[in-house]
Amino acid sequence: MGSLVAIFFYYIFYNYLSLLSFIFFIIFIFFYSIFFLNKSLKQSFSSSDPKEIVIDEFIGQSIPLILCENNFFLIILSFLLFRLFDITKPWPASYFDLKVKSANGVLMDDIIAGLYTFFLIYLWV
């Protein structure tokens, strides 16, 4: 769900604000998430990567959208590739998913999936 919300936010920022403001928004969300997740993971969840938290998917999906230039095909491609990498977790995403039991692990596996997608979209364009 977080991936779809990222596409919605990307559309709003790209069309009504700017791509640069979208990038700053994602950076802000990233730092806020580290603080929020470190606090809430210890207090509210028994799992180190609870399914209820989707901000990691939001951040990860936002990374390749930076290159999509409001191109519908590239947006769909980035969504599909991100979901593929997020599910399969190729190394080093698998390391962060399995070994790092903190907000850093929760966020980094999706950020790495986003970076893999970013580079494939970059090569495509």
PDB file of N, CA and C in Angstrom:
ATOM      1  N   MET A   1       0.813  -1.201   0.000  1.00  0.00           N
ATOM      2  CA  MET A   1       0.000   0.000   0.000  1.00  0.00           C
ATOM      3  C   MET A   1       0.864   1.275   0.000  1.00  0.00           C
ATOM      4  N   GLY A   2       1.983   1.208   0.710  1.00  0.00           N
ATOM      5  CA  GLY A   2       2.869   2.361   0.764  1.00  0.00           C
ATOM      6  C   GLY A   2       3.419   2.738  -0.600  1.00  0.00           C
ATOM      7  N   SER A   3       3.634   1.739  -1.458  1.00  0.00           N
ATOM      8  CA  SER A   3       4.142   1.999  -2.806  1.00  0.00           C
ATOM      9  C   SER A   3       3.130   2.789  -3.633  1.00  0.00           C
ATOM     10  N   LEU A   4       1.863   2.438  -3.513  1.00  0.00           N
ATOM     11  CA  LEU A   4       0.827   3.156  -4.258  1.00  0.00           C
ATOM     12  C   LEU A   4       0.660   4.585  -3.749  1.00  0.00           C
ATOM     13  N   VAL A   5       0.754   4.758  -2.449  1.00  0.00           N
ATOM     14  CA  VAL A   5       0.654   6.098  -1.873  1.00  0.00           C
ATOM     15  C   VAL A   5       1.823   6.958  -2.354  1.00  0.00           C
ATOM     16  N   ALA A   6       2.998   6.370  -2.482  1.00  0.00           N
ATOM     17  CA  ALA A   6       4.161   7.109  -2.986  1.00  0.00           C
ATOM     18  C   ALA A   6       3.903   7.628  -4.393  1.00  0.00           C
ATOM     19  N   ILE A   7       3.277   6.815  -5.229  1.00  0.00           N
ATOM     20  CA  ILE A   7       2.968   7.248  -6.601  1.00  0.00           C
ATOM     21  C   ILE A   7       1.991   8.419  -6.582  1.00  0.00           C
ATOM     22  N   PHE A   8       1.009   8.358  -5.708  1.00  0.00           N
ATOM     23  CA  PHE A   8       0.050   9.457  -5.567  1.00  0.00           C
ATOM     24  C   PHE A   8       0.777  10.750  -5.153  1.00  0.00           C
ATOM     25  N   PHE A   9       1.632  10.657  -4.142  1.00  0.00           N
ATOM     26  CA  PHE A   9       2.377  11.838  -3.692  1.00  0.00           C
ATOM     27  C   PHE A   9       3.298  12.359  -4.794  1.00  0.00           C
ATOM     28  N   TYR A  10       3.943  11.448  -5.498  1.00  0.00           N
ATOM     29  CA  TYR A  10       4.820  11.845  -6.598  1.00  0.00           C
ATOM     30  C   TYR A  10       4.023  12.654  -7.625  1.00  0.00           C
ATOM     31  N   TYR A  11       2.854  12.166  -7.996  1.00  0.00           N
ATOM     32  CA  TYR A  11       2.018  12.848  -8.980  1.00  0.00           C
ATOM     33  C   TYR A  11       1.672  14.263  -8.513  1.00  0.00           C
ATOM     34  N   ILE A  12       1.262  14.385  -7.264  1.00  0.00           N
ATOM     35  CA  ILE A  12       0.899  15.698  -6.723  1.00  0.00           C
ATOM     36  C   ILE A  12       2.110  16.634  -6.731  1.00  0.00           C
ATOM     37  N   PHE A  13       3.230  16.175  -6.202  1.00  0.00           N
ATOM     38  CA  PHE A  13       4.424  17.018  -6.154  1.00  0.00           C
ATOM     39  C   PHE A  13       4.914  17.372  -7.551  1.00  0.00           C
ATOM     40  N   TYR A  14       4.976  16.388  -8.439  1.00  0.00           N
ATOM     41  CA  TYR A  14       5.518  16.628  -9.775  1.00  0.00           C
ATOM     42  C   TYR A  14       4.651  17.626 -10.557  1.00  0.00           C
ATOM     43  N   ASN A  15       3.335  17.487 -10.437  1.00  0.00           N
ATOM     44  CA  ASN A  15       2.435  18.312 -11.239  1.00  0.00           C
ATOM     45  C   ASN A  15       2.068  19.657 -10.609  1.00  0.00           C
ATOM     46  N   TYR A  16       2.099  19.749  -9.287  1.00  0.00           N
ATOM     47  CA  TYR A  16       1.622  20.975  -8.641  1.00  0.00           C
ATOM     48  C   TYR A  16       2.703  21.705  -7.839  1.00  0.00           C
ATOM     49  N   LEU A  17       3.790  21.041  -7.539  1.00  0.00           N
ATOM     50  CA  LEU A  17       4.880  21.698  -6.816  1.00  0.00           C
ATOM     51  C   LEU A  17       6.138  21.586  -7.661  1.00  0.00           C
ATOM     52  N   SER A  18       7.038  20.701  -7.277  1.00  0.00           N
ATOM     53  CA  SER A  18       8.232  20.493  -8.098  1.00  0.00           C
ATOM     54  C   SER A  18       8.877  19.171  -7.714  1.00  0.00           C
ATOM     55  N   LEU A  19       9.705  18.669  -8.607  1.00  0.00           N
ATOM     56  CA  LEU A  19      10.432  17.444  -8.317  1.00  0.00           C
ATOM     57  C   LEU A  19      11.403  17.657  -7.160  1.00  0.00           C
ATOM     58  N   LEU A  20      12.007  18.814  -7.096  1.00  0.00           N
ATOM     59  CA  LEU A  20      12.926  19.117  -6.005  1.00  0.00           C
ATOM     60  C   LEU A  20      12.201  19.107  -4.653  1.00  0.00           C
ATOM     61  N   SER A  21      10.999  19.642  -4.603  1.00  0.00           N
ATOM     62  CA  SER A  21      10.242  19.608  -3.349  1.00  0.00           C
ATOM     63  C   SER A  21       9.877  18.176  -2.973  1.00  0.00           C
ATOM     64  N   PHE A  22       9.647  17.315  -3.956  1.00  0.00           N
ATOM     65  CA  PHE A  22       9.383  15.900  -3.694  1.00  0.00           C
ATOM     66  C   PHE A  22      10.618  15.252  -3.073  1.00  0.00           C
ATOM     67  N   ILE A  23      11.792  15.557  -3.594  1.00  0.00           N
ATOM     68  CA  ILE A  23      13.037  14.992  -3.064  1.00  0.00           C
ATOM     69  C   ILE A  23      13.242  15.446  -1.618  1.00  0.00           C
ATOM     70  N   PHE A  24      13.039  16.727  -1.336  1.00  0.00           N
ATOM     71  CA  PHE A  24      13.175  17.217   0.041  1.00  0.00           C
ATOM     72  C   PHE A  24      12.139  16.586   0.961  1.00  0.00           C
ATOM     73  N   PHE A  25      10.936  16.380   0.460  1.00  0.00           N
ATOM     74  CA  PHE A  25       9.887  15.725   1.240  1.00  0.00           C
ATOM     75  C   PHE A  25      10.307  14.303   1.612  1.00  0.00           C
ATOM     76  N   ILE A  26      10.869  13.561   0.664  1.00  0.00           N
ATOM     77  CA  ILE A  26      11.307  12.188   0.920  1.00  0.00           C
ATOM     78  C   ILE A  26      12.449  12.173   1.937  1.00  0.00           C
ATOM     79  N   ILE A  27      13.376  13.099   1.828  1.00  0.00           N
ATOM     80  CA  ILE A  27      14.473  13.182   2.799  1.00  0.00           C
ATOM     81  C   ILE A  27      13.923  13.465   4.195  1.00  0.00           C
ATOM     82  N   PHE A  28      12.970  14.388   4.287  1.00  0.00           N
ATOM     83  CA  PHE A  28      12.341  14.689   5.573  1.00  0.00           C
ATOM     84  C   PHE A  28      11.648  13.450   6.137  1.00  0.00           C
ATOM     85  N   ILE A  29      10.882  12.760   5.312  1.00  0.00           N
ATOM     86  CA  ILE A  29      10.172  11.553   5.748  1.00  0.00           C
ATOM     87  C   ILE A  29      11.167  10.491   6.208  1.00  0.00           C
ATOM     88  N   PHE A  30      12.286  10.351   5.516  1.00  0.00           N
ATOM     89  CA  PHE A  30      13.305   9.379   5.898  1.00  0.00           C
ATOM     90  C   PHE A  30      13.817   9.650   7.313  1.00  0.00           C
ATOM     91  N   PHE A  31      14.234  10.885   7.583  1.00  0.00           N
ATOM     92  CA  PHE A  31      14.781  11.195   8.904  1.00  0.00           C
ATOM     93  C   PHE A  31      13.713  11.107   9.991  1.00  0.00           C
ATOM     94  N   TYR A  32      12.517  11.555   9.681  1.00  0.00           N
ATOM     95  CA  TYR A  32      11.420  11.428  10.640  1.00  0.00           C
ATOM     96  C   TYR A  32      11.136   9.953  10.925  1.00  0.00           C
ATOM     97  N   SER A  33      11.185   9.122   9.903  1.00  0.00           N
ATOM     98  CA  SER A  33      10.907   7.692  10.054  1.00  0.00           C
ATOM     99  C   SER A  33      11.922   6.998  10.947  1.00  0.00           C
ATOM    100  N   ILE A  34      13.175   7.370  10.812  1.00  0.00           N
ATOM    101  CA  ILE A  34      14.197   6.773  11.683  1.00  0.00           C
ATOM    102  C   ILE A  34      13.851   7.050  13.142  1.00  0.00           C
ATOM    103  N   PHE A  35      13.519   8.296  13.447  1.00  0.00           N
ATOM    104  CA  PHE A  35      13.155   8.660  14.817  1.00  0.00           C
ATOM    105  C   PHE A  35      11.897   7.911  15.255  1.00  0.00           C
ATOM    106  N   PHE A  36      10.843   7.979  14.430  1.00  0.00           N
ATOM    107  CA  PHE A  36       9.566   7.358  14.774  1.00  0.00           C
ATOM    108  C   PHE A  36       9.690   5.844  14.917  1.00  0.00           C
ATOM    109  N   LEU A  37      10.363   5.200  13.976  1.00  0.00           N
ATOM    110  CA  LEU A  37      10.465   3.746  14.010  1.00  0.00           C
ATOM    111  C   LEU A  37      11.313   3.254  15.176  1.00  0.00           C
ATOM    112  N   ASN A  38      12.413   3.928  15.475  1.00  0.00           N
ATOM    113  CA  ASN A  38      13.226   3.515  16.619  1.00  0.00           C
ATOM    114  C   ASN A  38      12.422   3.569  17.903  1.00  0.00           C
ATOM    115  N   LYS A  39      11.581   4.553  18.009  1.00  0.00           N
ATOM    116  CA  LYS A  39      10.756   4.710  19.212  1.00  0.00           C
ATOM    117  C   LYS A  39       9.609   3.695  19.237  1.00  0.00           C
ATOM    118  N   SER A  40       8.882   3.568  18.146  1.00  0.00           N
ATOM    119  CA  SER A  40       7.676   2.734  18.141  1.00  0.00           C
ATOM    120  C   SER A  40       7.968   1.241  18.036  1.00  0.00           C
ATOM    121  N   LEU A  41       9.063   0.857  17.376  1.00  0.00           N
ATOM    122  CA  LEU A  41       9.379  -0.571  17.273  1.00  0.00           C
ATOM    123  C   LEU A  41       9.640  -1.176  18.638  1.00  0.00           C
ATOM    124  N   LYS A  42      10.271  -0.420  19.509  1.00  0.00           N
ATOM    125  CA  LYS A  42      10.580  -0.917  20.841  1.00  0.00           C
ATOM    126  C   LYS A  42       9.340  -0.972  21.723  1.00  0.00           C
ATOM    127  N   GLN A  43       8.402  -0.061  21.523  1.00  0.00           N
ATOM    128  CA  GLN A  43       7.262   0.074  22.419  1.00  0.00           C
ATOM    129  C   GLN A  43       6.008  -0.662  21.964  1.00  0.00           C
ATOM    130  N   SER A  44       5.752  -0.702  20.676  1.00  0.00           N
ATOM    131  CA  SER A  44       4.422  -1.103  20.215  1.00  0.00           C
ATOM    132  C   SER A  44       4.347  -2.395  19.425  1.00  0.00           C
ATOM    133  N   PHE A  45       5.459  -2.923  18.943  1.00  0.00           N
ATOM    134  CA  PHE A  45       5.412  -4.071  18.050  1.00  0.00           C
ATOM    135  C   PHE A  45       6.302  -5.193  18.556  1.00  0.00           C
ATOM    136  N   SER A  46       5.832  -6.416  18.360  1.00  0.00           N
ATOM    137  CA  SER A  46       6.647  -7.565  18.745  1.00  0.00           C
ATOM    138  C   SER A  46       7.625  -7.954  17.637  1.00  0.00           C
ATOM    139  N   SER A  47       7.288  -7.624  16.401  1.00  0.00           N
ATOM    140  CA  SER A  47       8.147  -7.928  15.256  1.00  0.00           C
ATOM    141  C   SER A  47       9.116  -6.774  15.012  1.00  0.00           C
ATOM    142  N   SER A  48      10.285  -7.104  14.468  1.00  0.00           N
ATOM    143  CA  SER A  48      11.247  -6.045  14.144  1.00  0.00           C
ATOM    144  C   SER A  48      10.920  -5.361  12.813  1.00  0.00           C
ATOM    145  N   ASP A  49      10.058  -5.959  11.991  1.00  0.00           N
ATOM    146  CA  ASP A  49       9.615  -5.349  10.731  1.00  0.00           C
ATOM    147  C   ASP A  49       8.121  -5.622  10.552  1.00  0.00           C
ATOM    148  N   PRO A  50       7.280  -4.939  11.359  1.00  0.00           N
ATOM    149  CA  PRO A  50       5.844  -5.208  11.309  1.00  0.00           C
ATOM    150  C   PRO A  50       5.212  -4.804   9.978  1.00  0.00           C
ATOM    151  N   LYS A  51       4.246  -5.597   9.554  1.00  0.00           N
ATOM    152  CA  LYS A  51       3.563  -5.354   8.278  1.00  0.00           C
ATOM    153  C   LYS A  51       2.696  -4.095   8.321  1.00  0.00           C
ATOM    154  N   GLU A  52       2.347  -3.637   9.519  1.00  0.00           N
ATOM    155  CA  GLU A  52       1.515  -2.440   9.652  1.00  0.00           C
ATOM    156  C   GLU A  52       2.272  -1.174   9.260  1.00  0.00           C
ATOM    157  N   ILE A  53       3.579  -1.223   9.295  1.00  0.00           N
ATOM    158  CA  ILE A  53       4.397  -0.062   8.941  1.00  0.00           C
ATOM    159  C   ILE A  53       4.720  -0.129   7.454  1.00  0.00           C
ATOM    160  N   VAL A  54       4.277   0.899   6.718  1.00  0.00           N
ATOM    161  CA  VAL A  54       4.492   0.921   5.266  1.00  0.00           C
ATOM    162  C   VAL A  54       5.310   2.137   4.822  1.00  0.00           C
ATOM    163  N   ILE A  55       5.777   2.927   5.766  1.00  0.00           N
ATOM    164  CA  ILE A  55       6.553   4.112   5.389  1.00  0.00           C
ATOM    165  C   ILE A  55       7.844   3.713   4.679  1.00  0.00           C
ATOM    166  N   ASP A  56       8.362   2.536   5.006  1.00  0.00           N
ATOM    167  CA  ASP A  56       9.568   2.046   4.338  1.00  0.00           C
ATOM    168  C   ASP A  56       9.314   1.799   2.857  1.00  0.00           C
ATOM    169  N   GLU A  57       8.146   1.258   2.536  1.00  0.00           N
ATOM    170  CA  GLU A  57       7.771   1.062   1.131  1.00  0.00           C
ATOM    171  C   GLU A  57       7.565   2.405   0.430  1.00  0.00           C
ATOM    172  N   PHE A  58       6.984   3.345   1.139  1.00  0.00           N
ATOM    173  CA  PHE A  58       6.771   4.680   0.589  1.00  0.00           C
ATOM    174  C   PHE A  58       8.106   5.306   0.184  1.00  0.00           C
ATOM    175  N   ILE A  59       9.084   5.240   1.080  1.00  0.00           N
ATOM    176  CA  ILE A  59      10.399   5.827   0.808  1.00  0.00           C
ATOM    177  C   ILE A  59      11.100   5.077  -0.325  1.00  0.00           C
ATOM    178  N   GLY A  60      11.082   3.744  -0.256  1.00  0.00           N
ATOM    179  CA  GLY A  60      11.738   2.944  -1.290  1.00  0.00           C
ATOM    180  C   GLY A  60      11.154   3.171  -2.669  1.00  0.00           C
ATOM    181  N   GLN A  61       9.834   3.227  -2.768  1.00  0.00           N
ATOM    182  CA  GLN A  61       9.182   3.447  -4.065  1.00  0.00           C
ATOM    183  C   GLN A  61       9.440   4.848  -4.579  1.00  0.00           C
ATOM    184  N   SER A  62       9.617   5.803  -3.686  1.00  0.00           N
ATOM    185  CA  SER A  62       9.837   7.191  -4.096  1.00  0.00           C
ATOM    186  C   SER A  62      11.172   7.382  -4.811  1.00  0.00           C
ATOM    187  N   ILE A  63      12.147   6.574  -4.479  1.00  0.00           N
ATOM    188  CA  ILE A  63      13.491   6.746  -5.061  1.00  0.00           C
ATOM    189  C   ILE A  63      13.479   6.610  -6.587  1.00  0.00           C
ATOM    190  N   PRO A  64      12.942   5.528  -7.164  1.00  0.00           N
ATOM    191  CA  PRO A  64      12.959   5.445  -8.630  1.00  0.00           C
ATOM    192  C   PRO A  64      11.994   6.419  -9.312  1.00  0.00           C
ATOM    193  N   LEU A  65      10.977   6.877  -8.595  1.00  0.00           N
ATOM    194  CA  LEU A  65      10.035   7.814  -9.201  1.00  0.00           C
ATOM    195  C   LEU A  65      10.715   9.124  -9.581  1.00  0.00           C
ATOM    196  N   ILE A  66      11.811   9.434  -8.944  1.00  0.00           N
ATOM    197  CA  ILE A  66      12.541  10.664  -9.248  1.00  0.00           C
ATOM    198  C   ILE A  66      12.928  10.726 -10.724  1.00  0.00           C
ATOM    199  N   LEU A  67      13.148   9.570 -11.337  1.00  0.00           N
ATOM    200  CA  LEU A  67      13.563   9.529 -12.740  1.00  0.00           C
ATOM    201  C   LEU A  67      12.403   9.422 -13.735  1.00  0.00           C
ATOM    202  N   CYS A  68      11.206   9.230 -13.267  1.00  0.00           N
ATOM    203  CA  CYS A  68      10.096   8.863 -14.157  1.00  0.00           C
ATOM    204  C   CYS A  68       9.514  10.012 -14.975  1.00  0.00           C
ATOM    205  N   GLU A  69       9.777  11.244 -14.613  1.00  0.00           N
ATOM    206  CA  GLU A  69       9.337  12.413 -15.373  1.00  0.00           C
ATOM    207  C   GLU A  69       7.859  12.360 -15.774  1.00  0.00           C
ATOM    208  N   ASN A  70       7.042  11.887 -14.860  1.00  0.00           N
ATOM    209  CA  ASN A  70       5.587  11.813 -15.067  1.00  0.00           C
ATOM    210  C   ASN A  70       5.206  10.935 -16.260  1.00  0.00           C
ATOM    211  N   ASN A  71       6.072  10.005 -16.631  1.00  0.00           N
ATOM    212  CA  ASN A  71       5.825   9.065 -17.718  1.00  0.00           C
ATOM    213  C   ASN A  71       5.081   7.855 -17.152  1.00  0.00           C
ATOM    214  N   PHE A  72       3.862   7.636 -17.614  1.00  0.00           N
ATOM    215  CA  PHE A  72       3.008   6.579 -17.063  1.00  0.00           C
ATOM    216  C   PHE A  72       3.681   5.215 -17.151  1.00  0.00           C
ATOM    217  N   PHE A  73       4.294   4.905 -18.291  1.00  0.00           N
ATOM    218  CA  PHE A  73       4.959   3.620 -18.456  1.00  0.00           C
ATOM    219  C   PHE A  73       6.086   3.446 -17.446  1.00  0.00           C
ATOM    220  N   LEU A  74       6.914   4.478 -17.271  1.00  0.00           N
ATOM    221  CA  LEU A  74       8.018   4.383 -16.321  1.00  0.00           C
ATOM    222  C   LEU A  74       7.532   4.288 -14.875  1.00  0.00           C
ATOM    223  N   ILE A  75       6.445   4.951 -14.569  1.00  0.00           N
ATOM    224  CA  ILE A  75       5.880   4.869 -13.216  1.00  0.00           C
ATOM    225  C   ILE A  75       5.411   3.445 -12.929  1.00  0.00           C
ATOM    226  N   ILE A  76       4.695   2.843 -13.873  1.00  0.00           N
ATOM    227  CA  ILE A  76       4.233   1.455 -13.699  1.00  0.00           C
ATOM    228  C   ILE A  76       5.425   0.506 -13.645  1.00  0.00           C
ATOM    229  N   LEU A  77       6.401   0.708 -14.514  1.00  0.00           N
ATOM    230  CA  LEU A  77       7.596  -0.126 -14.501  1.00  0.00           C
ATOM    231  C   LEU A  77       8.334  -0.006 -13.168  1.00  0.00           C
ATOM    232  N   SER A  78       8.467   1.203 -12.664  1.00  0.00           N
ATOM    233  CA  SER A  78       9.149   1.382 -11.378  1.00  0.00           C
ATOM    234  C   SER A  78       8.376   0.706 -10.250  1.00  0.00           C
ATOM    235  N   PHE A  79       7.064   0.771 -10.304  1.00  0.00           N
ATOM    236  CA  PHE A  79       6.246   0.099  -9.286  1.00  0.00           C
ATOM    237  C   PHE A  79       6.471  -1.414  -9.328  1.00  0.00           C
ATOM    238  N   LEU A  80       6.391  -1.983 -10.520  1.00  0.00           N
ATOM    239  CA  LEU A  80       6.547  -3.434 -10.655  1.00  0.00           C
ATOM    240  C   LEU A  80       7.952  -3.901 -10.270  1.00  0.00           C
ATOM    241  N   LEU A  81       8.968  -3.172 -10.719  1.00  0.00           N
ATOM    242  CA  LEU A  81      10.338  -3.544 -10.362  1.00  0.00           C
ATOM    243  C   LEU A  81      10.589  -3.388  -8.868  1.00  0.00           C
ATOM    244  N   PHE A  82      10.101  -2.305  -8.294  1.00  0.00           N
ATOM    245  CA  PHE A  82      10.283  -2.112  -6.856  1.00  0.00           C
ATOM    246  C   PHE A  82       9.623  -3.239  -6.074  1.00  0.00           C
ATOM    247  N   ARG A  83       8.401  -3.591  -6.451  1.00  0.00           N
ATOM    248  CA  ARG A  83       7.711  -4.683  -5.738  1.00  0.00           C
ATOM    249  C   ARG A  83       8.497  -5.986  -5.886  1.00  0.00           C
ATOM    250  N   LEU A  84       9.023  -6.257  -7.074  1.00  0.00           N
ATOM    251  CA  LEU A  84       9.826  -7.460  -7.297  1.00  0.00           C
ATOM    252  C   LEU A  84      11.043  -7.475  -6.372  1.00  0.00           C
ATOM    253  N   PHE A  85      11.781  -6.365  -6.330  1.00  0.00           N
ATOM    254  CA  PHE A  85      12.978  -6.300  -5.484  1.00  0.00           C
ATOM    255  C   PHE A  85      12.611  -6.296  -3.999  1.00  0.00           C
ATOM    256  N   ASP A  86      11.485  -5.693  -3.659  1.00  0.00           N
ATOM    257  CA  ASP A  86      11.072  -5.664  -2.255  1.00  0.00           C
ATOM    258  C   ASP A  86      10.674  -7.060  -1.766  1.00  0.00           C
ATOM    259  N   ILE A  87      10.083  -7.842  -2.639  1.00  0.00           N
ATOM    260  CA  ILE A  87       9.666  -9.204  -2.264  1.00  0.00           C
ATOM    261  C   ILE A  87      10.848 -10.158  -2.259  1.00  0.00           C
ATOM    262  N   THR A  88      11.694 -10.091  -3.294  1.00  0.00           N
ATOM    263  CA  THR A  88      12.797 -11.050  -3.408  1.00  0.00           C
ATOM    264  C   THR A  88      14.001 -10.668  -2.549  1.00  0.00           C
ATOM    265  N   LYS A  89      14.151  -9.394  -2.248  1.00  0.00           N
ATOM    266  CA  LYS A  89      15.231  -8.876  -1.404  1.00  0.00           C
ATOM    267  C   LYS A  89      16.622  -9.377  -1.797  1.00  0.00           C
ATOM    268  N   PRO A  90      17.090  -9.014  -2.991  1.00  0.00           N
ATOM    269  CA  PRO A  90      18.455  -9.401  -3.375  1.00  0.00           C
ATOM    270  C   PRO A  90      19.475  -8.715  -2.461  1.00  0.00           C
ATOM    271  N   TRP A  91      20.641  -9.374  -2.314  1.00  0.00           N
ATOM    272  CA  TRP A  91      21.668  -8.838  -1.441  1.00  0.00           C
ATOM    273  C   TRP A  91      22.064  -7.443  -1.893  1.00  0.00           C
ATOM    274  N   PRO A  92      22.257  -6.493  -1.033  1.00  0.00           N
ATOM    275  CA  PRO A  92      22.345  -6.531   0.420  1.00  0.00           C
ATOM    276  C   PRO A  92      21.029  -6.277   1.141  1.00  0.00           C
ATOM    277  N   ALA A  93      19.930  -6.156   0.408  1.00  0.00           N
ATOM    278  CA  ALA A  93      18.635  -5.948   1.060  1.00  0.00           C
ATOM    279  C   ALA A  93      18.308  -7.089   2.013  1.00  0.00           C
ATOM    280  N   SER A  94      18.621  -8.313   1.610  1.00  0.00           N
ATOM    281  CA  SER A  94      18.349  -9.472   2.469  1.00  0.00           C
ATOM    282  C   SER A  94      19.140  -9.393   3.772  1.00  0.00           C
ATOM    283  N   TYR A  95      20.350  -8.877   3.708  1.00  0.00           N
ATOM    284  CA  TYR A  95      21.157  -8.713   4.920  1.00  0.00           C
ATOM    285  C   TYR A  95      20.447  -7.787   5.905  1.00  0.00           C
ATOM    286  N   PHE A  96      20.013  -6.620   5.423  1.00  0.00           N
ATOM    287  CA  PHE A  96      19.343  -5.663   6.300  1.00  0.00           C
ATOM    288  C   PHE A  96      18.021  -6.230   6.816  1.00  0.00           C
ATOM    289  N   ASP A  97      17.316  -6.960   5.975  1.00  0.00           N
ATOM    290  CA  ASP A  97      16.034  -7.533   6.381  1.00  0.00           C
ATOM    291  C   ASP A  97      16.217  -8.581   7.476  1.00  0.00           C
ATOM    292  N   LEU A  98      17.236  -9.402   7.362  1.00  0.00           N
ATOM    293  CA  LEU A  98      17.413 -10.519   8.293  1.00  0.00           C
ATOM    294  C   LEU A  98      18.298 -10.197   9.497  1.00  0.00           C
ATOM    295  N   LYS A  99      19.275  -9.349   9.329  1.00  0.00           N
ATOM    296  CA  LYS A  99      20.284  -9.160  10.375  1.00  0.00           C
ATOM    297  C   LYS A  99      20.158  -7.865  11.175  1.00  0.00           C
ATOM    298  N   VAL A 100      19.630  -6.823  10.592  1.00  0.00           N
ATOM    299  CA  VAL A 100      19.577  -5.531  11.280  1.00  0.00           C
ATOM    300  C   VAL A 100      18.164  -5.357  11.850  1.00  0.00           C
ATOM    301  N   LYS A 101      18.062  -5.485  13.158  1.00  0.00           N
ATOM    302  CA  LYS A 101      16.761  -5.455  13.835  1.00  0.00           C
ATOM    303  C   LYS A 101      16.519  -4.092  14.480  1.00  0.00           C
ATOM    304  N   SER A 102      16.382  -3.089  13.639  1.00  0.00           N
ATOM    305  CA  SER A 102      16.113  -1.729  14.107  1.00  0.00           C
ATOM    306  C   SER A 102      15.439  -0.971  12.970  1.00  0.00           C
ATOM    307  N   ALA A 103      15.217   0.304  13.191  1.00  0.00           N
ATOM    308  CA  ALA A 103      14.632   1.134  12.135  1.00  0.00           C
ATOM    309  C   ALA A 103      15.509   1.123  10.889  1.00  0.00           C
ATOM    310  N   ASN A 104      16.818   1.047  11.086  1.00  0.00           N
ATOM    311  CA  ASN A 104      17.722   1.009   9.938  1.00  0.00           C
ATOM    312  C   ASN A 104      17.456  -0.210   9.066  1.00  0.00           C
ATOM    313  N   GLY A 105      17.231  -1.352   9.657  1.00  0.00           N
ATOM    314  CA  GLY A 105      16.927  -2.560   8.892  1.00  0.00           C
ATOM    315  C   GLY A 105      15.596  -2.466   8.178  1.00  0.00           C
ATOM    316  N   VAL A 106      14.594  -1.931   8.884  1.00  0.00           N
ATOM    317  CA  VAL A 106      13.260  -1.780   8.292  1.00  0.00           C
ATOM    318  C   VAL A 106      13.328  -0.893   7.059  1.00  0.00           C
ATOM    319  N   LEU A 107      14.054   0.203   7.164  1.00  0.00           N
ATOM    320  CA  LEU A 107      14.119   1.157   6.060  1.00  0.00           C
ATOM    321  C   LEU A 107      15.087   0.734   4.955  1.00  0.00           C
ATOM    322  N   MET A 108      16.228   0.195   5.335  1.00  0.00           N
ATOM    323  CA  MET A 108      17.285  -0.039   4.350  1.00  0.00           C
ATOM    324  C   MET A 108      16.947  -1.114   3.324  1.00  0.00           C
ATOM    325  N   ASP A 109      16.221  -2.161   3.701  1.00  0.00           N
ATOM    326  CA  ASP A 109      15.901  -3.171   2.686  1.00  0.00           C
ATOM    327  C   ASP A 109      15.036  -2.576   1.584  1.00  0.00           C
ATOM    328  N   ASP A 110      14.137  -1.674   1.942  1.00  0.00           N
ATOM    329  CA  ASP A 110      13.296  -1.034   0.925  1.00  0.00           C
ATOM    330  C   ASP A 110      14.060   0.054   0.168  1.00  0.00           C
ATOM    331  N   ILE A 111      14.960   0.735   0.832  1.00  0.00           N
ATOM    332  CA  ILE A 111      15.776   1.736   0.149  1.00  0.00           C
ATOM    333  C   ILE A 111      16.671   1.053  -0.887  1.00  0.00           C
ATOM    334  N   ILE A 112      17.223  -0.093  -0.531  1.00  0.00           N
ATOM    335  CA  ILE A 112      18.055  -0.829  -1.487  1.00  0.00           C
ATOM    336  C   ILE A 112      17.215  -1.315  -2.663  1.00  0.00           C
ATOM    337  N   ALA A 113      16.003  -1.811  -2.394  1.00  0.00           N
ATOM    338  CA  ALA A 113      15.102  -2.197  -3.488  1.00  0.00           C
ATOM    339  C   ALA A 113      14.799  -0.992  -4.375  1.00  0.00           C
ATOM    340  N   GLY A 114      14.621   0.175  -3.754  1.00  0.00           N
ATOM    341  CA  GLY A 114      14.395   1.402  -4.519  1.00  0.00           C
ATOM    342  C   GLY A 114      15.597   1.796  -5.345  1.00  0.00           C
ATOM    343  N   LEU A 115      16.799   1.601  -4.801  1.00  0.00           N
ATOM    344  CA  LEU A 115      18.017   1.928  -5.548  1.00  0.00           C
ATOM    345  C   LEU A 115      18.230   0.980  -6.725  1.00  0.00           C
ATOM    346  N   TYR A 116      17.960  -0.311  -6.518  1.00  0.00           N
ATOM    347  CA  TYR A 116      18.040  -1.250  -7.647  1.00  0.00           C
ATOM    348  C   TYR A 116      17.080  -0.822  -8.753  1.00  0.00           C
ATOM    349  N   THR A 117      15.871  -0.465  -8.379  1.00  0.00           N
ATOM    350  CA  THR A 117      14.873  -0.027  -9.358  1.00  0.00           C
ATOM    351  C   THR A 117      15.323   1.270 -10.026  1.00  0.00           C
ATOM    352  N   PHE A 118      15.847   2.197  -9.240  1.00  0.00           N
ATOM    353  CA  PHE A 118      16.355   3.467  -9.765  1.00  0.00           C
ATOM    354  C   PHE A 118      17.378   3.224 -10.861  1.00  0.00           C
ATOM    355  N   PHE A 119      18.343   2.333 -10.607  1.00  0.00           N
ATOM    356  CA  PHE A 119      19.395   2.084 -11.593  1.00  0.00           C
ATOM    357  C   PHE A 119      18.853   1.412 -12.852  1.00  0.00           C
ATOM    358  N   LEU A 120      17.878   0.519 -12.703  1.00  0.00           N
ATOM    359  CA  LEU A 120      17.284  -0.097 -13.904  1.00  0.00           C
ATOM    360  C   LEU A 120      16.492   0.925 -14.706  1.00  0.00           C
ATOM    361  N   ILE A 121      15.750   1.786 -14.035  1.00  0.00           N
ATOM    362  CA  ILE A 121      15.018   2.845 -14.738  1.00  0.00           C
ATOM    363  C   ILE A 121      16.005   3.792 -15.416  1.00  0.00           C
ATOM    364  N   TYR A 122      17.089   4.121 -14.720  1.00  0.00           N
ATOM    365  CA  TYR A 122      18.127   4.983 -15.284  1.00  0.00           C
ATOM    366  C   TYR A 122      18.696   4.368 -16.562  1.00  0.00           C
ATOM    367  N   LEU A 123      18.978   3.067 -16.528  1.00  0.00           N
ATOM    368  CA  LEU A 123      19.503   2.405 -17.720  1.00  0.00           C
ATOM    369  C   LEU A 123      18.465   2.360 -18.837  1.00  0.00           C
ATOM    370  N   TRP A 124      17.199   2.276 -18.486  1.00  0.00           N
ATOM    371  CA  TRP A 124      16.120   2.225 -19.467  1.00  0.00           C
ATOM    372  C   TRP A 124      15.994   3.554 -20.183  1.00  0.00           C
ATOM    373  N   VAL A 125      16.076   4.642 -19.412  1.00  0.00           N
ATOM    374  CA  VAL A 125      15.915   5.990 -19.957  1.00  0.00           C
ATOM    375  C   VAL A 125      17.202   6.354 -20.616  1.00  0.00           C
TER     376      VAL A 125
END
